[in-house]
mmCIF file of all heavy atoms, coordinates in Angstrom:
data_MODEL
# 
_entry.id   MODEL 
# 
loop_
_atom_site.group_PDB 
_atom_site.id 
_atom_site.type_symbol 
_atom_site.label_atom_id 
_atom_site.label_alt_id 
_atom_site.label_comp_id 
_atom_site.label_asym_id 
_atom_site.label_entity_id 
_atom_site.label_seq_id 
_atom_site.pdbx_PDB_ins_code 
_atom_site.Cartn_x 
_atom_site.Cartn_y 
_atom_site.Cartn_z 
_atom_site.occupancy 
_atom_site.B_iso_or_equiv 
_atom_site.pdbx_formal_charge 
_atom_site.auth_seq_id 
_atom_site.auth_comp_id 
_atom_site.auth_asym_id 
_atom_site.auth_atom_id 
_atom_site.pdbx_PDB_model_num 
ATOM 1   N N   . TRP A 1 1  ? 106.425 84.481  112.540 1.00 0.00 ? 1  TRP A N   1 
ATOM 2   C CA  . TRP A 1 1  ? 106.099 85.465  113.562 1.00 0.00 ? 1  TRP A CA  1 
ATOM 3   C C   . TRP A 1 1  ? 106.758 86.805  113.250 1.00 0.00 ? 1  TRP A C   1 
ATOM 4   O O   . TRP A 1 1  ? 107.620 86.908  112.386 1.00 0.00 ? 1  TRP A O   1 
ATOM 5   C CB  . TRP A 1 1  ? 106.496 84.966  114.947 1.00 0.00 ? 1  TRP A CB  1 
ATOM 6   C CG  . TRP A 1 1  ? 107.966 84.721  115.140 1.00 0.00 ? 1  TRP A CG  1 
ATOM 7   C CD1 . TRP A 1 1  ? 108.691 83.649  114.697 1.00 0.00 ? 1  TRP A CD1 1 
ATOM 8   C CD2 . TRP A 1 1  ? 108.890 85.562  115.824 1.00 0.00 ? 1  TRP A CD2 1 
ATOM 9   N NE1 . TRP A 1 1  ? 109.999 83.777  115.064 1.00 0.00 ? 1  TRP A NE1 1 
ATOM 10  C CE2 . TRP A 1 1  ? 110.155 84.939  115.764 1.00 0.00 ? 1  TRP A CE2 1 
ATOM 11  C CE3 . TRP A 1 1  ? 108.769 86.769  116.490 1.00 0.00 ? 1  TRP A CE3 1 
ATOM 12  C CZ2 . TRP A 1 1  ? 111.289 85.492  116.341 1.00 0.00 ? 1  TRP A CZ2 1 
ATOM 13  C CZ3 . TRP A 1 1  ? 109.902 87.325  117.075 1.00 0.00 ? 1  TRP A CZ3 1 
ATOM 14  C CH2 . TRP A 1 1  ? 111.140 86.678  116.997 1.00 0.00 ? 1  TRP A CH2 1 
ATOM 15  N N   . CYS A 1 2  ? 106.293 87.827  113.975 1.00 0.00 ? 2  CYS A N   1 
ATOM 16  C CA  . CYS A 1 2  ? 106.864 89.163  113.818 1.00 0.00 ? 2  CYS A CA  1 
ATOM 17  C C   . CYS A 1 2  ? 106.681 89.951  115.106 1.00 0.00 ? 2  CYS A C   1 
ATOM 18  O O   . CYS A 1 2  ? 105.868 89.596  115.958 1.00 0.00 ? 2  CYS A O   1 
ATOM 19  C CB  . CYS A 1 2  ? 106.196 89.905  112.659 1.00 0.00 ? 2  CYS A CB  1 
ATOM 20  S SG  . CYS A 1 2  ? 104.495 90.414  112.984 1.00 0.00 ? 2  CYS A SG  1 
ATOM 21  N N   . ASN A 1 3  ? 107.451 91.008  115.214 1.00 0.00 ? 3  ASN A N   1 
ATOM 22  C CA  . ASN A 1 3  ? 107.279 91.995  116.273 1.00 0.00 ? 3  ASN A CA  1 
ATOM 23  C C   . ASN A 1 3  ? 106.410 93.097  115.670 1.00 0.00 ? 3  ASN A C   1 
ATOM 24  O O   . ASN A 1 3  ? 106.899 93.937  114.935 1.00 0.00 ? 3  ASN A O   1 
ATOM 25  C CB  . ASN A 1 3  ? 108.620 92.571  116.717 1.00 0.00 ? 3  ASN A CB  1 
ATOM 26  C CG  . ASN A 1 3  ? 109.532 91.529  117.314 1.00 0.00 ? 3  ASN A CG  1 
ATOM 27  O OD1 . ASN A 1 3  ? 109.072 90.596  117.958 1.00 0.00 ? 3  ASN A OD1 1 
ATOM 28  N ND2 . ASN A 1 3  ? 110.828 91.674  117.112 1.00 0.00 ? 3  ASN A ND2 1 
ATOM 29  N N   . ALA A 1 4  ? 105.124 93.066  115.973 1.00 0.00 ? 4  ALA A N   1 
ATOM 30  C CA  . ALA A 1 4  ? 104.183 94.013  115.374 1.00 0.00 ? 4  ALA A CA  1 
ATOM 31  C C   . ALA A 1 4  ? 104.045 95.249  116.251 1.00 0.00 ? 4  ALA A C   1 
ATOM 32  O O   . ALA A 1 4  ? 103.891 95.140  117.467 1.00 0.00 ? 4  ALA A O   1 
ATOM 33  C CB  . ALA A 1 4  ? 102.818 93.352  115.209 1.00 0.00 ? 4  ALA A CB  1 
ATOM 34  N N   . ARG A 1 5  ? 104.102 96.411  115.620 1.00 0.00 ? 5  ARG A N   1 
ATOM 35  C CA  . ARG A 1 5  ? 103.779 97.627  116.369 1.00 0.00 ? 5  ARG A CA  1 
ATOM 36  C C   . ARG A 1 5  ? 102.323 97.501  116.803 1.00 0.00 ? 5  ARG A C   1 
ATOM 37  O O   . ARG A 1 5  ? 101.483 97.018  116.042 1.00 0.00 ? 5  ARG A O   1 
ATOM 38  C CB  . ARG A 1 5  ? 103.970 98.868  115.501 1.00 0.00 ? 5  ARG A CB  1 
ATOM 39  C CG  . ARG A 1 5  ? 105.431 99.167  115.238 1.00 0.00 ? 5  ARG A CG  1 
ATOM 40  C CD  . ARG A 1 5  ? 105.593 100.475 114.516 1.00 0.00 ? 5  ARG A CD  1 
ATOM 41  N NE  . ARG A 1 5  ? 107.009 100.680 114.206 1.00 0.00 ? 5  ARG A NE  1 
ATOM 42  C CZ  . ARG A 1 5  ? 107.479 101.744 113.613 1.00 0.00 ? 5  ARG A CZ  1 
ATOM 43  N NH1 . ARG A 1 5  ? 106.673 102.716 113.239 1.00 0.00 ? 5  ARG A NH1 1 
ATOM 44  N NH2 . ARG A 1 5  ? 108.772 101.868 113.373 1.00 0.00 ? 5  ARG A NH2 1 
ATOM 45  N N   . LYS A 1 6  ? 102.043 97.923  118.025 1.00 0.00 ? 6  LYS A N   1 
ATOM 46  C CA  . LYS A 1 6  ? 100.679 97.767  118.577 1.00 0.00 ? 6  LYS A CA  1 
ATOM 47  C C   . LYS A 1 6  ? 99.622  98.373  117.657 1.00 0.00 ? 6  LYS A C   1 
ATOM 48  O O   . LYS A 1 6  ? 98.542  97.822  117.516 1.00 0.00 ? 6  LYS A O   1 
ATOM 49  C CB  . LYS A 1 6  ? 100.596 98.403  119.962 1.00 0.00 ? 6  LYS A CB  1 
ATOM 50  C CG  . LYS A 1 6  ? 101.286 97.590  121.026 1.00 0.00 ? 6  LYS A CG  1 
ATOM 51  C CD  . LYS A 1 6  ? 100.312 96.984  121.968 1.00 0.00 ? 6  LYS A CD  1 
ATOM 52  C CE  . LYS A 1 6  ? 101.092 96.176  122.976 1.00 0.00 ? 6  LYS A CE  1 
ATOM 53  N NZ  . LYS A 1 6  ? 100.409 95.863  124.165 1.00 0.00 ? 6  LYS A NZ  1 
ATOM 54  N N   . ASN A 1 7  ? 99.954  99.487  117.009 1.00 0.00 ? 7  ASN A N   1 
ATOM 55  C CA  . ASN A 1 7  ? 98.957  100.126 116.149 1.00 0.00 ? 7  ASN A CA  1 
ATOM 56  C C   . ASN A 1 7  ? 98.765  99.399  114.826 1.00 0.00 ? 7  ASN A C   1 
ATOM 57  O O   . ASN A 1 7  ? 97.915  99.785  114.022 1.00 0.00 ? 7  ASN A O   1 
ATOM 58  C CB  . ASN A 1 7  ? 99.315  101.595 115.905 1.00 0.00 ? 7  ASN A CB  1 
ATOM 59  C CG  . ASN A 1 7  ? 100.602 101.779 115.130 1.00 0.00 ? 7  ASN A CG  1 
ATOM 60  O OD1 . ASN A 1 7  ? 101.495 100.940 115.166 1.00 0.00 ? 7  ASN A OD1 1 
ATOM 61  N ND2 . ASN A 1 7  ? 100.712 102.889 114.435 1.00 0.00 ? 7  ASN A ND2 1 
ATOM 62  N N   . LYS A 1 8  ? 99.515  98.324  114.573 1.00 0.00 ? 8  LYS A N   1 
ATOM 63  C CA  . LYS A 1 8  ? 99.383  97.549  113.335 1.00 0.00 ? 8  LYS A CA  1 
ATOM 64  C C   . LYS A 1 8  ? 98.827  96.140  113.576 1.00 0.00 ? 8  LYS A C   1 
ATOM 65  O O   . LYS A 1 8  ? 98.743  95.342  112.648 1.00 0.00 ? 8  LYS A O   1 
ATOM 66  C CB  . LYS A 1 8  ? 100.739 97.429  112.626 1.00 0.00 ? 8  LYS A CB  1 
ATOM 67  C CG  . LYS A 1 8  ? 101.319 98.764  112.204 1.00 0.00 ? 8  LYS A CG  1 
ATOM 68  C CD  . LYS A 1 8  ? 100.479 99.422  111.145 1.00 0.00 ? 8  LYS A CD  1 
ATOM 69  C CE  . LYS A 1 8  ? 101.099 100.707 110.657 1.00 0.00 ? 8  LYS A CE  1 
ATOM 70  N NZ  . LYS A 1 8  ? 100.253 101.420 109.713 1.00 0.00 ? 8  LYS A NZ  1 
ATOM 71  N N   . VAL A 1 9  ? 98.420  95.850  114.797 1.00 0.00 ? 9  VAL A N   1 
ATOM 72  C CA  . VAL A 1 9  ? 97.933  94.510  115.147 1.00 0.00 ? 9  VAL A CA  1 
ATOM 73  C C   . VAL A 1 9  ? 96.772  94.087  114.247 1.00 0.00 ? 9  VAL A C   1 
ATOM 74  O O   . VAL A 1 9  ? 96.751  92.967  113.728 1.00 0.00 ? 9  VAL A O   1 
ATOM 75  C CB  . VAL A 1 9  ? 97.541  94.451  116.643 1.00 0.00 ? 9  VAL A CB  1 
ATOM 76  C CG1 . VAL A 1 9  ? 96.703  93.212  116.958 1.00 0.00 ? 9  VAL A CG1 1 
ATOM 77  C CG2 . VAL A 1 9  ? 98.798  94.464  117.512 1.00 0.00 ? 9  VAL A CG2 1 
ATOM 78  N N   . ASN A 1 10 ? 95.812  94.963  114.032 1.00 0.00 ? 10 ASN A N   1 
ATOM 79  C CA  . ASN A 1 10 ? 94.648  94.597  113.210 1.00 0.00 ? 10 ASN A CA  1 
ATOM 80  C C   . ASN A 1 10 ? 95.043  94.315  111.769 1.00 0.00 ? 10 ASN A C   1 
ATOM 81  O O   . ASN A 1 10 ? 94.443  93.464  111.113 1.00 0.00 ? 10 ASN A O   1 
ATOM 82  C CB  . ASN A 1 10 ? 93.568  95.678  113.280 1.00 0.00 ? 10 ASN A CB  1 
ATOM 83  C CG  . ASN A 1 10 ? 92.864  95.671  114.624 1.00 0.00 ? 10 ASN A CG  1 
ATOM 84  O OD1 . ASN A 1 10 ? 92.796  94.643  115.293 1.00 0.00 ? 10 ASN A OD1 1 
ATOM 85  N ND2 . ASN A 1 10 ? 92.362  96.817  115.039 1.00 0.00 ? 10 ASN A ND2 1 
ATOM 86  N N   . PHE A 1 11 ? 96.057  95.003  111.264 1.00 0.00 ? 11 PHE A N   1 
ATOM 87  C CA  . PHE A 1 11 ? 96.553  94.731  109.921 1.00 0.00 ? 11 PHE A CA  1 
ATOM 88  C C   . PHE A 1 11 ? 97.035  93.286  109.830 1.00 0.00 ? 11 PHE A C   1 
ATOM 89  O O   . PHE A 1 11 ? 96.654  92.544  108.924 1.00 0.00 ? 11 PHE A O   1 
ATOM 90  C CB  . PHE A 1 11 ? 97.688  95.697  109.570 1.00 0.00 ? 11 PHE A CB  1 
ATOM 91  C CG  . PHE A 1 11 ? 98.389  95.377  108.279 1.00 0.00 ? 11 PHE A CG  1 
ATOM 92  C CD1 . PHE A 1 11 ? 97.820  95.733  107.062 1.00 0.00 ? 11 PHE A CD1 1 
ATOM 93  C CD2 . PHE A 1 11 ? 99.612  94.715  108.275 1.00 0.00 ? 11 PHE A CD2 1 
ATOM 94  C CE1 . PHE A 1 11 ? 98.453  95.424  105.858 1.00 0.00 ? 11 PHE A CE1 1 
ATOM 95  C CE2 . PHE A 1 11 ? 100.260 94.413  107.086 1.00 0.00 ? 11 PHE A CE2 1 
ATOM 96  C CZ  . PHE A 1 11 ? 99.674  94.770  105.871 1.00 0.00 ? 11 PHE A CZ  1 
ATOM 97  N N   . TYR A 1 12 ? 97.847  92.847  110.793 1.00 0.00 ? 12 TYR A N   1 
ATOM 98  C CA  . TYR A 1 12 ? 98.393  91.499  110.756 1.00 0.00 ? 12 TYR A CA  1 
ATOM 99  C C   . TYR A 1 12 ? 97.334  90.431  111.010 1.00 0.00 ? 12 TYR A C   1 
ATOM 100 O O   . TYR A 1 12 ? 97.432  89.316  110.506 1.00 0.00 ? 12 TYR A O   1 
ATOM 101 C CB  . TYR A 1 12 ? 99.556  91.369  111.747 1.00 0.00 ? 12 TYR A CB  1 
ATOM 102 C CG  . TYR A 1 12 ? 100.752 92.176  111.318 1.00 0.00 ? 12 TYR A CG  1 
ATOM 103 C CD1 . TYR A 1 12 ? 101.209 93.244  112.082 1.00 0.00 ? 12 TYR A CD1 1 
ATOM 104 C CD2 . TYR A 1 12 ? 101.431 91.888  110.137 1.00 0.00 ? 12 TYR A CD2 1 
ATOM 105 C CE1 . TYR A 1 12 ? 102.297 93.990  111.676 1.00 0.00 ? 12 TYR A CE1 1 
ATOM 106 C CE2 . TYR A 1 12 ? 102.521 92.628  109.721 1.00 0.00 ? 12 TYR A CE2 1 
ATOM 107 C CZ  . TYR A 1 12 ? 102.948 93.682  110.502 1.00 0.00 ? 12 TYR A CZ  1 
ATOM 108 O OH  . TYR A 1 12 ? 104.018 94.427  110.089 1.00 0.00 ? 12 TYR A OH  1 
ATOM 109 N N   . LYS A 1 13 ? 96.305  90.772  111.768 1.00 0.00 ? 13 LYS A N   1 
ATOM 110 C CA  . LYS A 1 13 ? 95.216  89.821  112.007 1.00 0.00 ? 13 LYS A CA  1 
ATOM 111 C C   . LYS A 1 13 ? 94.524  89.438  110.703 1.00 0.00 ? 13 LYS A C   1 
ATOM 112 O O   . LYS A 1 13 ? 94.043  88.321  110.551 1.00 0.00 ? 13 LYS A O   1 
ATOM 113 C CB  . LYS A 1 13 ? 94.195  90.400  112.994 1.00 0.00 ? 13 LYS A CB  1 
ATOM 114 C CG  . LYS A 1 13 ? 94.661  90.345  114.432 1.00 0.00 ? 13 LYS A CG  1 
ATOM 115 C CD  . LYS A 1 13 ? 93.587  90.885  115.363 1.00 0.00 ? 13 LYS A CD  1 
ATOM 116 C CE  . LYS A 1 13 ? 94.018  90.751  116.816 1.00 0.00 ? 13 LYS A CE  1 
ATOM 117 N NZ  . LYS A 1 13 ? 92.986  91.279  117.734 1.00 0.00 ? 13 LYS A NZ  1 
ATOM 118 N N   . LYS A 1 14 ? 94.486  90.355  109.728 1.00 0.00 ? 14 LYS A N   1 
ATOM 119 C CA  . LYS A 1 14 ? 93.863  90.065  108.424 1.00 0.00 ? 14 LYS A CA  1 
ATOM 120 C C   . LYS A 1 14 ? 94.581  88.934  107.698 1.00 0.00 ? 14 LYS A C   1 
ATOM 121 O O   . LYS A 1 14 ? 94.024  88.313  106.805 1.00 0.00 ? 14 LYS A O   1 
ATOM 122 C CB  . LYS A 1 14 ? 93.877  91.315  107.532 1.00 0.00 ? 14 LYS A CB  1 
ATOM 123 C CG  . LYS A 1 14 ? 92.975  92.428  108.011 1.00 0.00 ? 14 LYS A CG  1 
ATOM 124 C CD  . LYS A 1 14 ? 92.866  93.553  106.998 1.00 0.00 ? 14 LYS A CD  1 
ATOM 125 C CE  . LYS A 1 14 ? 94.177  94.264  106.818 1.00 0.00 ? 14 LYS A CE  1 
ATOM 126 N NZ  . LYS A 1 14 ? 94.086  95.451  105.937 1.00 0.00 ? 14 LYS A NZ  1 
ATOM 127 N N   . PHE A 1 15 ? 95.818  88.652  108.093 1.00 0.00 ? 15 PHE A N   1 
ATOM 128 C CA  . PHE A 1 15 ? 96.614  87.602  107.452 1.00 0.00 ? 15 PHE A CA  1 
ATOM 129 C C   . PHE A 1 15 ? 96.674  86.335  108.301 1.00 0.00 ? 15 PHE A C   1 
ATOM 130 O O   . PHE A 1 15 ? 97.444  85.434  108.017 1.00 0.00 ? 15 PHE A O   1 
ATOM 131 C CB  . PHE A 1 15 ? 98.027  88.123  107.167 1.00 0.00 ? 15 PHE A CB  1 
ATOM 132 C CG  . PHE A 1 15 ? 98.015  89.307  106.255 1.00 0.00 ? 15 PHE A CG  1 
ATOM 133 C CD1 . PHE A 1 15 ? 97.940  90.583  106.774 1.00 0.00 ? 15 PHE A CD1 1 
ATOM 134 C CD2 . PHE A 1 15 ? 98.024  89.149  104.875 1.00 0.00 ? 15 PHE A CD2 1 
ATOM 135 C CE1 . PHE A 1 15 ? 97.888  91.693  105.930 1.00 0.00 ? 15 PHE A CE1 1 
ATOM 136 C CE2 . PHE A 1 15 ? 97.962  90.241  104.029 1.00 0.00 ? 15 PHE A CE2 1 
ATOM 137 C CZ  . PHE A 1 15 ? 97.894  91.517  104.571 1.00 0.00 ? 15 PHE A CZ  1 
ATOM 138 N N   . GLY A 1 16 ? 95.875  86.307  109.359 1.00 0.00 ? 16 GLY A N   1 
ATOM 139 C CA  . GLY A 1 16 ? 95.806  85.128  110.201 1.00 0.00 ? 16 GLY A CA  1 
ATOM 140 C C   . GLY A 1 16 ? 96.809  85.095  111.343 1.00 0.00 ? 16 GLY A C   1 
ATOM 141 O O   . GLY A 1 16 ? 96.893  84.094  112.054 1.00 0.00 ? 16 GLY A O   1 
ATOM 142 N N   . LEU A 1 17 ? 97.574  86.165  111.527 1.00 0.00 ? 17 LEU A N   1 
ATOM 143 C CA  . LEU A 1 17 ? 98.499  86.199  112.655 1.00 0.00 ? 17 LEU A CA  1 
ATOM 144 C C   . LEU A 1 17 ? 97.713  86.496  113.928 1.00 0.00 ? 17 LEU A C   1 
ATOM 145 O O   . LEU A 1 17 ? 96.727  87.244  113.907 1.00 0.00 ? 17 LEU A O   1 
ATOM 146 C CB  . LEU A 1 17 ? 99.596  87.246  112.453 1.00 0.00 ? 17 LEU A CB  1 
ATOM 147 C CG  . LEU A 1 17 ? 100.740 86.777  111.563 1.00 0.00 ? 17 LEU A CG  1 
ATOM 148 C CD1 . LEU A 1 17 ? 100.476 87.118  110.110 1.00 0.00 ? 17 LEU A CD1 1 
ATOM 149 C CD2 . LEU A 1 17 ? 102.053 87.378  112.013 1.00 0.00 ? 17 LEU A CD2 1 
ATOM 150 N N   . GLN A 1 18 ? 98.158  85.881  115.013 1.00 0.00 ? 18 GLN A N   1 
ATOM 151 C CA  . GLN A 1 18 ? 97.492  86.060  116.295 1.00 0.00 ? 18 GLN A CA  1 
ATOM 152 C C   . GLN A 1 18 ? 98.461  86.642  117.311 1.00 0.00 ? 18 GLN A C   1 
ATOM 153 O O   . GLN A 1 18 ? 99.662  86.356  117.277 1.00 0.00 ? 18 GLN A O   1 
ATOM 154 C CB  . GLN A 1 18 ? 96.954  84.721  116.801 1.00 0.00 ? 18 GLN A CB  1 
ATOM 155 C CG  . GLN A 1 18 ? 95.916  84.120  115.876 1.00 0.00 ? 18 GLN A CG  1 
ATOM 156 C CD  . GLN A 1 18 ? 95.436  82.760  116.355 1.00 0.00 ? 18 GLN A CD  1 
ATOM 157 O OE1 . GLN A 1 18 ? 96.073  82.100  117.170 1.00 0.00 ? 18 GLN A OE1 1 
ATOM 158 N NE2 . GLN A 1 18 ? 94.295  82.334  115.831 1.00 0.00 ? 18 GLN A NE2 1 
ATOM 159 N N   . GLU A 1 19 ? 97.905  87.424  118.213 1.00 0.00 ? 19 GLU A N   1 
ATOM 160 C CA  . GLU A 1 19 ? 98.716  88.018  119.264 1.00 0.00 ? 19 GLU A CA  1 
ATOM 161 C C   . GLU A 1 19 ? 99.182  86.943  120.237 1.00 0.00 ? 19 GLU A C   1 
ATOM 162 O O   . GLU A 1 19 ? 98.436  86.020  120.555 1.00 0.00 ? 19 GLU A O   1 
ATOM 163 C CB  . GLU A 1 19 ? 97.904  89.055  120.047 1.00 0.00 ? 19 GLU A CB  1 
ATOM 164 C CG  . GLU A 1 19 ? 97.458  90.229  119.221 1.00 0.00 ? 19 GLU A CG  1 
ATOM 165 C CD  . GLU A 1 19 ? 96.556  91.171  119.999 1.00 0.00 ? 19 GLU A CD  1 
ATOM 166 O OE1 . GLU A 1 19 ? 97.019  91.728  121.020 1.00 0.00 ? 19 GLU A OE1 1 
ATOM 167 O OE2 . GLU A 1 19 ? 95.389  91.328  119.582 1.00 0.00 ? 19 GLU A OE2 1 
ATOM 168 N N   . THR A 1 20 ? 100.421 87.061  120.692 1.00 0.00 ? 20 THR A N   1 
ATOM 169 C CA  . THR A 1 20 ? 100.918 86.210  121.771 1.00 0.00 ? 20 THR A CA  1 
ATOM 170 C C   . THR A 1 20 ? 100.842 87.031  123.058 1.00 0.00 ? 20 THR A C   1 
ATOM 171 O O   . THR A 1 20 ? 100.364 88.168  123.053 1.00 0.00 ? 20 THR A O   1 
ATOM 172 C CB  . THR A 1 20 ? 102.371 85.772  121.505 1.00 0.00 ? 20 THR A CB  1 
ATOM 173 O OG1 . THR A 1 20 ? 103.217 86.923  121.584 1.00 0.00 ? 20 THR A OG1 1 
ATOM 174 C CG2 . THR A 1 20 ? 102.512 85.094  120.149 1.00 0.00 ? 20 THR A CG2 1 
ATOM 175 N N   . HIS A 1 21 ? 101.341 86.478  124.123 1.00 0.00 ? 21 HIS A N   1 
ATOM 176 C CA  . HIS A 1 21 ? 101.343 87.193  125.402 1.00 0.00 ? 21 HIS A CA  1 
ATOM 177 C C   . HIS A 1 21 ? 102.646 87.963  125.605 1.00 0.00 ? 21 HIS A C   1 
ATOM 178 O O   . HIS A 1 21 ? 102.881 88.504  126.687 1.00 0.00 ? 21 HIS A O   1 
ATOM 179 C CB  . HIS A 1 21 ? 101.103 86.217  126.555 1.00 0.00 ? 21 HIS A CB  1 
ATOM 180 C CG  . HIS A 1 21 ? 99.762  85.554  126.482 1.00 0.00 ? 21 HIS A CG  1 
ATOM 181 N ND1 . HIS A 1 21 ? 98.590  86.238  126.688 1.00 0.00 ? 21 HIS A ND1 1 
ATOM 182 C CD2 . HIS A 1 21 ? 99.406  84.289  126.181 1.00 0.00 ? 21 HIS A CD2 1 
ATOM 183 C CE1 . HIS A 1 21 ? 97.567  85.418  126.530 1.00 0.00 ? 21 HIS A CE1 1 
ATOM 184 N NE2 . HIS A 1 21 ? 98.028  84.218  126.222 1.00 0.00 ? 21 HIS A NE2 1 
ATOM 185 N N   . SER A 1 22 ? 103.491 88.022  124.576 1.00 0.00 ? 22 SER A N   1 
ATOM 186 C CA  . SER A 1 22 ? 104.776 88.698  124.692 1.00 0.00 ? 22 SER A CA  1 
ATOM 187 C C   . SER A 1 22 ? 104.726 90.077  124.035 1.00 0.00 ? 22 SER A C   1 
ATOM 188 O O   . SER A 1 22 ? 104.280 90.204  122.891 1.00 0.00 ? 22 SER A O   1 
ATOM 189 C CB  . SER A 1 22 ? 105.880 87.875  124.022 1.00 0.00 ? 22 SER A CB  1 
ATOM 190 O OG  . SER A 1 22 ? 105.977 86.605  124.635 1.00 0.00 ? 22 SER A OG  1 
ATOM 191 N N   . SER A 1 23 ? 105.183 91.066  124.776 1.00 0.00 ? 23 SER A N   1 
ATOM 192 C CA  . SER A 1 23 ? 105.224 92.423  124.237 1.00 0.00 ? 23 SER A CA  1 
ATOM 193 C C   . SER A 1 23 ? 106.442 93.141  124.808 1.00 0.00 ? 23 SER A C   1 
ATOM 194 O O   . SER A 1 23 ? 107.043 92.699  125.786 1.00 0.00 ? 23 SER A O   1 
ATOM 195 C CB  . SER A 1 23 ? 103.944 93.181  124.579 1.00 0.00 ? 23 SER A CB  1 
ATOM 196 O OG  . SER A 1 23 ? 103.785 93.282  125.978 1.00 0.00 ? 23 SER A OG  1 
ATOM 197 N N   . PHE A 1 24 ? 106.795 94.250  124.178 1.00 0.00 ? 24 PHE A N   1 
ATOM 198 C CA  . PHE A 1 24 ? 107.933 95.037  124.640 1.00 0.00 ? 24 PHE A CA  1 
ATOM 199 C C   . PHE A 1 24 ? 107.840 96.444  124.077 1.00 0.00 ? 24 PHE A C   1 
ATOM 200 O O   . PHE A 1 24 ? 107.014 96.735  123.206 1.00 0.00 ? 24 PHE A O   1 
ATOM 201 C CB  . PHE A 1 24 ? 109.257 94.375  124.243 1.00 0.00 ? 24 PHE A CB  1 
ATOM 202 C CG  . PHE A 1 24 ? 109.465 94.232  122.760 1.00 0.00 ? 24 PHE A CG  1 
ATOM 203 C CD1 . PHE A 1 24 ? 110.162 95.187  122.031 1.00 0.00 ? 24 PHE A CD1 1 
ATOM 204 C CD2 . PHE A 1 24 ? 108.967 93.126  122.078 1.00 0.00 ? 24 PHE A CD2 1 
ATOM 205 C CE1 . PHE A 1 24 ? 110.344 95.049  120.669 1.00 0.00 ? 24 PHE A CE1 1 
ATOM 206 C CE2 . PHE A 1 24 ? 109.151 92.971  120.715 1.00 0.00 ? 24 PHE A CE2 1 
ATOM 207 C CZ  . PHE A 1 24 ? 109.839 93.949  120.003 1.00 0.00 ? 24 PHE A CZ  1 
ATOM 208 N N   . ILE A 1 25 ? 108.686 97.317  124.583 1.00 0.00 ? 25 ILE A N   1 
ATOM 209 C CA  . ILE A 1 25 ? 108.770 98.696  124.102 1.00 0.00 ? 25 ILE A CA  1 
ATOM 210 C C   . ILE A 1 25 ? 110.192 98.935  123.628 1.00 0.00 ? 25 ILE A C   1 
ATOM 211 O O   . ILE A 1 25 ? 111.158 98.573  124.309 1.00 0.00 ? 25 ILE A O   1 
ATOM 212 C CB  . ILE A 1 25 ? 108.394 99.701  125.213 1.00 0.00 ? 25 ILE A CB  1 
ATOM 213 C CG1 . ILE A 1 25 ? 106.921 99.505  125.600 1.00 0.00 ? 25 ILE A CG1 1 
ATOM 214 C CG2 . ILE A 1 25 ? 108.640 101.141 124.751 1.00 0.00 ? 25 ILE A CG2 1 
ATOM 215 C CD1 . ILE A 1 25 ? 106.476 100.315 126.793 1.00 0.00 ? 25 ILE A CD1 1 
ATOM 216 N N   . LYS A 1 26 ? 110.310 99.519  122.427 1.00 0.00 ? 26 LYS A N   1 
ATOM 217 C CA  . LYS A 1 26 ? 111.625 99.858  121.874 1.00 0.00 ? 26 LYS A CA  1 
ATOM 218 C C   . LYS A 1 26 ? 111.520 101.245 121.249 1.00 0.00 ? 26 LYS A C   1 
ATOM 219 O O   . LYS A 1 26 ? 110.577 101.506 120.493 1.00 0.00 ? 26 LYS A O   1 
ATOM 220 C CB  . LYS A 1 26 ? 112.050 98.830  120.820 1.00 0.00 ? 26 LYS A CB  1 
ATOM 221 C CG  . LYS A 1 26 ? 113.405 99.121  120.193 1.00 0.00 ? 26 LYS A CG  1 
ATOM 222 C CD  . LYS A 1 26 ? 113.745 98.119  119.115 1.00 0.00 ? 26 LYS A CD  1 
ATOM 223 C CE  . LYS A 1 26 ? 115.050 98.530  118.447 1.00 0.00 ? 26 LYS A CE  1 
ATOM 224 N NZ  . LYS A 1 26 ? 115.333 97.711  117.282 1.00 0.00 ? 26 LYS A NZ  1 
ATOM 225 N N   . GLU A 1 27 ? 112.467 102.081 121.576 1.00 0.00 ? 27 GLU A N   1 
ATOM 226 C CA  . GLU A 1 27 ? 112.488 103.444 121.016 1.00 0.00 ? 27 GLU A CA  1 
ATOM 227 C C   . GLU A 1 27 ? 111.150 104.156 121.240 1.00 0.00 ? 27 GLU A C   1 
ATOM 228 O O   . GLU A 1 27 ? 110.685 104.921 120.400 1.00 0.00 ? 27 GLU A O   1 
ATOM 229 C CB  . GLU A 1 27 ? 112.815 103.407 119.525 1.00 0.00 ? 27 GLU A CB  1 
ATOM 230 C CG  . GLU A 1 27 ? 114.173 102.837 119.183 1.00 0.00 ? 27 GLU A CG  1 
ATOM 231 C CD  . GLU A 1 27 ? 115.303 103.842 119.378 1.00 0.00 ? 27 GLU A CD  1 
ATOM 232 O OE1 . GLU A 1 27 ? 115.080 105.051 119.228 1.00 0.00 ? 27 GLU A OE1 1 
ATOM 233 O OE2 . GLU A 1 27 ? 116.419 103.386 119.683 1.00 0.00 ? 27 GLU A OE2 1 
ATOM 234 N N   . GLY A 1 28 ? 110.521 103.877 122.390 1.00 0.00 ? 28 GLY A N   1 
ATOM 235 C CA  . GLY A 1 28 ? 109.260 104.527 122.724 1.00 0.00 ? 28 GLY A CA  1 
ATOM 236 C C   . GLY A 1 28 ? 108.043 103.975 121.997 1.00 0.00 ? 28 GLY A C   1 
ATOM 237 O O   . GLY A 1 28 ? 106.938 104.487 122.154 1.00 0.00 ? 28 GLY A O   1 
ATOM 238 N N   . LYS A 1 29 ? 108.217 102.909 121.217 1.00 0.00 ? 29 LYS A N   1 
ATOM 239 C CA  . LYS A 1 29 ? 107.102 102.299 120.482 1.00 0.00 ? 29 LYS A CA  1 
ATOM 240 C C   . LYS A 1 29 ? 106.756 100.953 121.106 1.00 0.00 ? 29 LYS A C   1 
ATOM 241 O O   . LYS A 1 29 ? 107.641 100.181 121.466 1.00 0.00 ? 29 LYS A O   1 
ATOM 242 C CB  . LYS A 1 29 ? 107.465 102.118 119.006 1.00 0.00 ? 29 LYS A CB  1 
ATOM 243 C CG  . LYS A 1 29 ? 107.712 103.433 118.270 1.00 0.00 ? 29 LYS A CG  1 
ATOM 244 C CD  . LYS A 1 29 ? 108.054 103.183 116.823 1.00 0.00 ? 29 LYS A CD  1 
ATOM 245 C CE  . LYS A 1 29 ? 108.503 104.366 116.035 1.00 0.00 ? 29 LYS A CE  1 
ATOM 246 N NZ  . LYS A 1 29 ? 108.029 105.651 116.308 1.00 0.00 ? 29 LYS A NZ  1 
# 
């Protein structure tokens, strides 16, 4: 697993990673 920046979600999907229901904001990202 990883903490993916929201704008990189589609990049990680290409490798078979799926979004979970957990999200957060750090340093405004």
